[in-house]
Protein backbone atom coordinates (compact mmCIF):
# COMPACT_ATOMS: atom_id res chain seq x y z
CA MET A 1 0.00 -0.02 0.00
CA THR A 2 1.23 3.49 -0.75
CA TYR A 3 1.23 6.52 1.51
CA GLU A 4 0.58 10.15 0.64
CA VAL A 5 3.66 12.23 1.48
CA VAL A 6 2.96 15.77 2.67
CA TRP A 7 5.76 18.30 3.28
CA THR A 8 4.78 20.84 5.90
CA PRO A 9 5.51 24.48 5.13
CA ASP A 10 8.41 24.39 7.63
CA ALA A 11 9.92 21.34 5.93
CA GLU A 12 9.51 22.95 2.49
CA ARG A 13 11.33 26.09 3.78
CA ASP A 14 14.06 23.93 5.26
CA LEU A 15 14.52 22.08 1.99
CA THR A 16 14.59 25.29 -0.04
CA ALA A 17 17.18 26.88 2.25
CA ILE A 18 19.39 23.74 2.04
CA TRP A 19 19.08 23.59 -1.78
CA LEU A 20 19.88 27.29 -2.23
CA VAL A 21 23.24 27.05 -0.38
CA ALA A 22 24.17 23.55 -1.50
CA ALA A 23 27.45 23.10 -3.38
CA ASP A 24 25.79 20.15 -5.17
CA ARG A 25 22.14 20.97 -5.75
CA GLN A 26 21.59 17.83 -7.81
CA ALA A 27 22.61 15.72 -4.79
CA VAL A 28 20.00 17.48 -2.61
CA THR A 29 17.36 17.00 -5.33
CA THR A 30 18.23 13.31 -5.73
CA ALA A 31 18.18 12.73 -1.96
CA SER A 32 14.78 14.43 -1.57
CA HIS A 33 13.37 12.37 -4.41
CA ARG A 34 14.62 9.13 -2.85
CA ILE A 35 13.30 10.12 0.57
CA GLU A 36 9.90 10.85 -0.90
CA GLN A 37 9.83 7.50 -2.67
CA GLU A 38 10.77 5.58 0.47
CA LEU A 39 8.23 7.45 2.56
CA GLY A 40 5.50 6.71 0.04
CA ARG A 41 6.40 3.03 -0.05
CA SER A 42 7.22 1.97 3.52
CA PRO A 43 7.62 4.84 6.03
CA LEU A 44 7.47 2.65 9.13
CA THR A 45 10.60 0.76 8.11
CA PHE A 46 12.48 3.76 6.69
CA GLY A 47 14.86 5.60 9.01
CA LYS A 48 14.85 5.25 12.78
CA PRO A 49 12.27 5.93 15.45
CA ARG A 50 12.60 9.13 17.47
CA THR A 51 10.06 9.50 20.26
CA SER A 52 7.85 6.64 19.04
CA GLY A 53 7.53 4.21 16.15
CA VAL A 54 5.51 6.76 14.15
CA ASN A 55 7.83 9.75 14.81
CA ARG A 56 10.93 9.01 12.80
CA VAL A 57 14.12 10.42 11.31
CA ALA A 58 15.77 9.35 8.09
CA VAL A 59 18.94 10.34 6.26
CA VAL A 60 19.85 10.08 2.60
CA ALA A 61 23.04 12.15 2.39
CA PRO A 62 23.27 15.06 2.09
CA LEU A 63 19.74 15.41 3.41
CA GLY A 64 17.88 14.29 6.51
CA VAL A 65 14.20 14.59 7.46
CA THR A 66 12.00 14.15 10.46
CA PHE A 67 8.53 12.79 9.79
CA GLU A 68 5.37 11.44 11.35
CA VAL A 69 3.41 8.49 10.00
CA ILE A 70 -0.39 8.55 10.31
CA GLU A 71 -1.12 4.89 9.64
CA ASP A 72 -4.94 5.14 9.67
CA ASP A 73 -4.91 7.79 6.95
CA LYS A 74 -1.92 6.32 5.04
CA ARG A 75 -0.18 9.72 5.22
CA VAL A 76 3.32 10.81 6.09
CA PHE A 77 4.02 14.38 7.23
CA VAL A 78 7.58 15.54 6.72
CA GLN A 79 8.10 17.96 9.55
CA SER A 80 11.65 19.23 8.95
CA ALA A 81 14.64 18.80 6.72
CA PHE A 82 18.29 19.20 7.63
CA LYS A 83 21.71 19.05 5.99
CA VAL A 84 24.05 16.19 6.83
CA PRO A 85 27.76 16.06 6.06
């Protein structure tokens, strides 16, 4: 089953800021695309749990995201994005 992936406005702002200053913008674009694919496919096995099994963090260098999975609605909310070395 697939999940709808929703980037919150804060996460979109984070991603934009990271992309604008990135030395390799294509790497950021590729990472965000892969993250979105994984979140849409199997968010509960992607990344690692934070405060619970549905609040998670995942990294696909050079990008990381925090997200929440709403299993009943089959939705994933990306809450923030951050740059990783």
